[in-house]
Amino acid sequence: MKESPLKIDFEKLWKEGMLDWHGNMPERMVDDELEEDFWAQSMKKKTYKQTDDYAERIYEKMKPYIPEDASCLEIGPGWGNYTFPLSEDVKSLTLVDGSESVLAYLRQYYESDAPVQFVNSKWEEVQVEPHDIVVGVNCFYRMYELKTALKKMNALAQKRAIIGLTTGPIQPHYVVLDKQYGYEIKYPRRDYIAILNILYQLGIYANCEMVKLERTYRYNTLEQLYETQSKKILSPQFEMAHVKSSLEPFIAMEDGQYVYRHPFYAAIITWEPSNSHD
C-alpha cells in the first residue's frame, strides 16, 4: 500500500536531492565564498543585458499576476532574466541576492534615483518590509530549509507570490542510454513538484501552470557534442559508440554547426498570500 502524499516529508526529499551522487553535499551549496566566485566569473561573461532565450516566454506567463503600481521583491535575480522586465512593470523593485557580484552587475543598469533597491543577503536571513508581490525564479537551489523559505515568501507577499522553476524532461538521448543500453544516468532529483507539495502541506493552495519551452545546444564539432552530452552518464565505463547512436536521431546541421534541440518546461506557481499558516 502506497504512503499517503500528506505523510511524505517532501522537504526531506528536497534536502536529499541536494546531495551529490556520492551522498555528499556539494561545496557550492555550503561555501559562500565559492558561490560568490562562481557568480563573479559568470557576470564577467555577460554582454549588455544578456538574458536567456526562454525567459521572455516565462515572464509572459508571470505578467498577468503582477498588479499595476505594485511594489515587488525579487529573490535571487541572477543576471536579470526577470529583473529587467519587472523594473518596467512595477512601481518599485527590491532585489535580494546573496552575491554582491550579481547586485553590482545589475546596479550598473539603473540610475541612482531609480526605484530599485539592492539588498545583499541570503533570503533566509534578509530583513525586509512586505511587498505587494514576491517573485523567485530558479532561486531555490541552495535553500536547505525550503519550508521556512516558502513561509517567508507567503508572509512578505501582500497580494501575490510567484515562483518559476524550469524542469524536465532530461535530454532524450539519456533516456535511450538508460533504457536501451542500461547505463546509470544522473537524472534530476529536485523539481517543482516538491515546492508545490510543500505549499499544499502548509495549507497554501497554489496554482501551477506548465509552459513548454525548447532548449538548443550548438557545437562546432561532433567531438564537442559527444563530450558534453555524455556528462550525465554515471556508469564508470561506457562506450562512445552508444553515445553517438543515442544522439543521432536528435542532431541536425545548421549553418555549419551541429544543433541539438529538445523540449523542457517551466512551472509557474502562484498563490494569493495568507498569513494564517503554521
Protein backbone atom coordinates (compact mmCIF):
# COMPACT_ATOMS: atom_id res chain seq x y z
CA MET A 1 0.00 0.00 0.00
CA LYS A 2 1.44 3.37 -1.01
CA GLU A 3 2.02 6.04 1.59
CA SER A 4 -0.36 8.98 1.54
CA PRO A 5 1.18 12.09 -0.07
CA LEU A 6 0.17 14.01 3.06
CA LYS A 7 2.54 11.85 5.13
CA ILE A 8 5.54 12.18 2.82
CA ASP A 9 8.25 14.56 4.04
CA PHE A 10 8.85 16.49 0.83
CA GLU A 11 11.35 18.82 2.45
CA LYS A 12 13.44 15.81 3.47
CA LEU A 13 13.35 14.59 -0.14
CA TRP A 14 14.41 18.08 -1.27
CA LYS A 15 17.35 18.02 1.12
CA GLU A 16 18.38 14.54 -0.03
CA GLY A 17 18.26 15.79 -3.62
CA MET A 18 20.85 18.44 -2.77
CA LEU A 19 23.47 15.75 -2.13
CA ASP A 20 25.79 14.64 -4.91
CA TRP A 21 25.77 11.12 -6.27
CA HIS A 22 28.20 10.02 -3.56
CA GLY A 23 25.92 11.24 -0.79
CA ASN A 24 27.95 14.37 -0.03
CA MET A 25 26.84 17.98 0.00
CA PRO A 26 28.48 19.81 -2.94
CA GLU A 27 30.85 22.55 -1.82
CA ARG A 28 28.96 25.31 -3.64
CA MET A 29 25.87 24.52 -1.61
CA VAL A 30 27.55 25.40 1.69
CA ASP A 31 30.62 27.50 0.84
CA ASP A 32 29.54 31.13 0.37
CA GLU A 33 32.94 32.20 -0.96
CA LEU A 34 32.85 29.51 -3.62
CA GLU A 35 29.33 30.54 -4.60
CA GLU A 36 30.40 34.18 -4.80
CA ASP A 37 33.34 33.25 -7.02
CA PHE A 38 31.00 31.34 -9.34
CA TRP A 39 28.77 34.39 -9.78
CA ALA A 40 31.71 36.77 -10.13
CA GLN A 41 33.03 34.69 -13.03
CA SER A 42 29.56 34.34 -14.57
CA MET A 43 28.91 38.08 -14.52
CA LYS A 44 32.19 38.77 -16.31
CA LYS A 45 30.98 36.73 -19.30
CA LYS A 46 27.72 38.61 -19.77
CA THR A 47 27.11 41.04 -22.60
CA TYR A 48 24.81 44.07 -22.28
CA LYS A 49 21.55 42.97 -20.62
CA GLN A 50 22.12 39.38 -21.81
CA THR A 51 19.27 37.10 -20.78
CA ASP A 52 18.24 33.53 -21.54
CA ASP A 53 16.13 32.91 -24.64
CA TYR A 54 13.35 31.20 -22.74
CA ALA A 55 12.96 33.93 -20.08
CA GLU A 56 10.62 36.06 -22.21
CA ARG A 57 8.10 33.20 -22.51
CA ILE A 58 8.19 32.60 -18.78
CA TYR A 59 7.72 36.27 -17.98
CA GLU A 60 4.71 36.42 -20.32
CA LYS A 61 3.03 33.83 -18.08
CA MET A 62 4.02 35.66 -14.91
CA LYS A 63 2.95 39.12 -16.02
CA PRO A 64 -0.85 38.69 -15.61
CA TYR A 65 -0.28 38.10 -11.89
CA ILE A 66 1.53 41.42 -11.43
CA PRO A 67 -0.89 44.20 -10.40
CA GLU A 68 -0.48 47.80 -11.52
CA ASP A 69 1.74 50.08 -9.46
CA ALA A 70 2.94 47.18 -7.35
CA SER A 71 5.93 47.04 -5.08
CA CYS A 72 7.92 43.93 -5.95
CA LEU A 73 10.58 41.89 -4.17
CA GLU A 74 12.66 39.56 -6.35
CA ILE A 75 14.64 36.72 -4.78
CA GLY A 76 17.91 35.76 -6.47
CA PRO A 77 17.75 37.92 -9.61
CA GLY A 78 20.90 36.46 -11.19
CA TRP A 79 21.74 38.24 -14.46
CA GLY A 80 18.33 39.88 -14.74
CA ASN A 81 16.17 37.50 -16.76
CA TYR A 82 13.12 38.83 -14.91
CA THR A 83 14.61 41.89 -13.22
CA PHE A 84 14.71 43.95 -16.42
CA PRO A 85 11.04 43.42 -17.40
CA LEU A 86 9.87 43.64 -13.78
CA SER A 87 11.51 47.02 -13.31
CA GLU A 88 9.44 48.32 -16.22
CA ASP A 89 6.15 46.89 -14.96
CA VAL A 90 6.23 47.64 -11.21
CA LYS A 91 6.34 50.84 -9.17
CA SER A 92 9.33 49.78 -7.08
CA LEU A 93 11.64 46.78 -7.05
CA THR A 94 13.75 45.27 -4.27
CA LEU A 95 16.41 42.77 -5.30
CA VAL A 96 17.63 40.31 -2.69
CA ASP A 97 20.71 38.26 -3.51
CA GLY A 98 23.50 36.66 -1.52
CA SER A 99 26.02 37.57 -4.21
CA GLU A 100 27.48 41.07 -4.28
CA SER A 101 28.74 40.35 -7.82
CA VAL A 102 25.17 39.80 -9.01
CA LEU A 103 23.96 43.03 -7.45
CA ALA A 104 26.94 45.01 -8.78
CA TYR A 105 26.21 43.69 -12.27
CA LEU A 106 22.55 44.72 -12.10
CA ARG A 107 23.23 48.04 -10.38
CA GLN A 108 25.07 49.35 -13.45
CA TYR A 109 21.83 49.32 -15.45
CA TYR A 110 19.91 51.65 -13.13
CA GLU A 111 20.32 55.31 -12.32
CA SER A 112 20.92 56.18 -8.68
CA ASP A 113 17.42 57.64 -8.38
CA ALA A 114 15.67 54.61 -9.95
CA PRO A 115 13.09 52.92 -7.70
CA VAL A 116 15.29 49.82 -7.40
CA GLN A 117 16.79 48.72 -4.10
CA PHE A 118 19.70 46.25 -3.84
CA VAL A 119 19.93 44.06 -0.73
CA ASN A 120 22.96 41.82 -0.30
CA SER A 121 21.64 38.97 1.83
CA LYS A 122 20.54 35.38 1.70
CA TRP A 123 16.78 35.04 1.52
CA GLU A 124 16.78 33.05 4.75
CA GLU A 125 18.47 35.91 6.63
CA VAL A 126 17.12 39.06 4.96
CA GLN A 127 15.11 41.59 6.93
CA VAL A 128 12.79 43.49 4.57
CA GLU A 129 9.33 45.02 4.61
CA PRO A 130 6.38 43.25 2.97
CA HIS A 131 5.83 43.95 -0.73
CA ASP A 132 2.77 43.61 -2.95
CA ILE A 133 4.38 40.74 -4.84
CA VAL A 134 7.30 38.43 -4.11
CA VAL A 135 8.92 36.71 -7.10
CA GLY A 136 11.52 33.95 -7.22
CA VAL A 137 12.59 32.09 -10.36
CA ASN A 138 15.15 29.28 -10.25
CA CYS A 139 16.46 30.69 -6.98
CA PHE A 140 15.95 27.84 -4.53
CA TYR A 141 18.89 25.56 -5.33
CA ARG A 142 20.88 26.49 -2.17
CA MET A 143 17.88 26.78 0.15
CA TYR A 144 18.08 23.87 2.57
CA GLU A 145 15.18 24.82 4.84
CA LEU A 146 12.72 25.10 1.97
CA LYS A 147 9.59 25.14 4.09
CA THR A 148 10.87 28.16 6.03
CA ALA A 149 11.81 29.91 2.76
CA LEU A 150 8.32 29.39 1.35
CA LYS A 151 6.66 30.57 4.56
CA LYS A 152 8.73 33.73 4.33
CA MET A 153 7.56 34.32 0.76
CA ASN A 154 3.98 33.93 1.91
CA ALA A 155 4.47 36.26 4.87
CA LEU A 156 6.12 39.05 2.85
CA ALA A 157 3.77 38.92 -0.16
CA GLN A 158 0.72 41.14 0.36
CA LYS A 159 -1.06 40.43 -2.93
CA ARG A 160 0.69 37.60 -4.80
CA ALA A 161 3.63 35.21 -4.57
CA ILE A 162 5.10 33.93 -7.84
CA ILE A 163 7.58 31.08 -8.25
CA GLY A 164 9.12 29.91 -11.50
CA LEU A 165 11.16 26.75 -11.90
CA THR A 166 12.48 25.22 -15.10
CA THR A 167 12.07 21.48 -15.21
CA GLY A 168 12.48 18.33 -17.32
CA PRO A 169 12.41 16.17 -19.20
CA ILE A 170 16.09 15.25 -19.36
CA GLN A 171 17.74 15.34 -22.79
CA PRO A 172 16.09 12.45 -24.69
CA HIS A 173 19.29 10.66 -25.68
CA TYR A 174 19.98 9.97 -21.98
CA VAL A 175 16.71 8.06 -21.79
CA VAL A 176 17.92 5.95 -24.74
CA LEU A 177 21.23 5.34 -22.97
CA ASP A 178 19.31 4.21 -19.90
CA LYS A 179 16.56 2.11 -21.47
CA GLN A 180 18.41 0.65 -24.46
CA TYR A 181 21.98 0.34 -23.18
CA GLY A 182 21.45 0.07 -19.42
CA TYR A 183 23.64 2.97 -18.30
CA GLU A 184 23.07 4.67 -14.98
CA ILE A 185 22.07 8.28 -15.66
CA LYS A 186 22.22 11.40 -13.48
CA TYR A 187 18.52 12.19 -13.59
CA PRO A 188 17.39 15.40 -11.82
CA ARG A 189 16.44 14.74 -8.20
CA ARG A 190 14.81 18.06 -7.23
CA ASP A 191 11.89 19.57 -9.04
CA TYR A 192 8.98 21.96 -8.85
CA ILE A 193 6.64 19.25 -7.58
CA ALA A 194 8.37 19.28 -4.19
CA ILE A 195 7.65 23.01 -3.85
CA LEU A 196 4.02 22.55 -4.89
CA ASN A 197 3.57 19.68 -2.41
CA ILE A 198 5.19 21.57 0.46
CA LEU A 199 2.91 24.53 -0.20
CA TYR A 200 -0.06 22.17 -0.17
CA GLN A 201 1.02 20.72 3.15
CA LEU A 202 1.31 24.27 4.51
CA GLY A 203 -2.31 24.84 3.54
CA ILE A 204 -1.39 27.02 0.57
CA TYR A 205 -3.45 26.04 -2.47
CA ALA A 206 -1.26 27.33 -5.28
CA ASN A 207 -1.98 27.43 -8.98
CA CYS A 208 0.56 25.71 -11.23
CA GLU A 209 0.86 26.26 -14.98
CA MET A 210 3.33 24.42 -17.20
CA VAL A 211 4.98 26.30 -20.06
CA LYS A 212 6.51 24.22 -22.84
CA LEU A 213 9.89 25.54 -23.99
CA GLU A 214 12.73 24.41 -26.21
CA ARG A 215 16.42 24.25 -25.40
CA THR A 216 19.02 24.49 -28.18
CA TYR A 217 22.64 23.37 -27.99
CA ARG A 218 25.10 24.28 -30.75
CA TYR A 219 28.51 22.71 -31.36
CA ASN A 220 31.25 23.34 -33.87
CA THR A 221 32.45 19.73 -33.82
CA LEU A 222 30.93 16.34 -33.12
CA GLU A 223 33.66 15.72 -30.54
CA GLN A 224 32.43 18.70 -28.53
CA LEU A 225 28.86 17.45 -28.77
CA TYR A 226 29.73 13.89 -27.70
CA GLU A 227 31.88 15.03 -24.80
CA THR A 228 29.31 17.49 -23.45
CA GLN A 229 26.32 15.19 -23.90
CA SER A 230 27.86 12.26 -22.05
CA LYS A 231 28.48 14.08 -18.76
CA LYS A 232 25.30 12.78 -17.13
CA ILE A 233 26.32 9.15 -17.51
CA LEU A 234 27.06 7.83 -14.02
CA SER A 235 28.26 4.39 -15.08
CA PRO A 236 32.07 4.30 -14.68
CA GLN A 237 32.54 2.69 -18.10
CA PHE A 238 30.60 3.44 -21.25
CA GLU A 239 31.09 3.06 -24.97
CA MET A 240 31.21 6.26 -27.00
CA ALA A 241 29.59 4.35 -29.86
CA HIS A 242 26.47 4.09 -27.73
CA VAL A 243 26.52 7.84 -27.06
CA LYS A 244 26.83 8.53 -30.79
CA SER A 245 24.00 6.14 -31.63
CA SER A 246 21.67 7.61 -28.98
CA LEU A 247 22.31 11.17 -30.17
CA GLU A 248 22.00 10.55 -33.91
CA PRO A 249 18.18 10.97 -34.20
CA PHE A 250 18.28 14.32 -32.44
CA ILE A 251 21.12 16.10 -34.25
CA ALA A 252 20.79 18.43 -37.24
CA MET A 253 23.26 20.53 -39.23
CA GLU A 254 22.52 24.27 -39.37
CA ASP A 255 24.90 26.92 -40.69
CA GLY A 256 27.86 24.61 -40.33
CA GLN A 257 27.07 23.72 -36.71
CA TYR A 258 25.71 20.61 -35.05
CA VAL A 259 22.43 21.51 -33.36
CA TYR A 260 20.62 19.54 -30.67
CA ARG A 261 17.12 20.68 -29.66
CA HIS A 262 14.86 19.18 -27.04
CA PRO A 263 11.76 20.23 -25.09
CA PHE A 264 11.72 21.29 -21.48
CA TYR A 265 9.22 23.11 -19.30
CA ALA A 266 8.79 25.88 -16.78
CA ALA A 267 6.41 25.57 -13.87
CA ILE A 268 4.75 28.85 -12.87
CA ILE A 269 3.44 28.51 -9.30
CA THR A 270 1.34 31.37 -7.91
CA TRP A 271 -0.87 31.98 -4.94
CA GLU A 272 -2.64 34.74 -3.06
CA PRO A 273 -0.91 35.01 0.32
CA SER A 274 -2.44 34.20 3.65
CA ASN A 275 -0.75 34.70 6.97
CA SER A 276 -2.78 32.07 8.74
CA HIS A 277 -0.46 29.13 8.05
CA ASP A 278 1.53 27.31 10.72
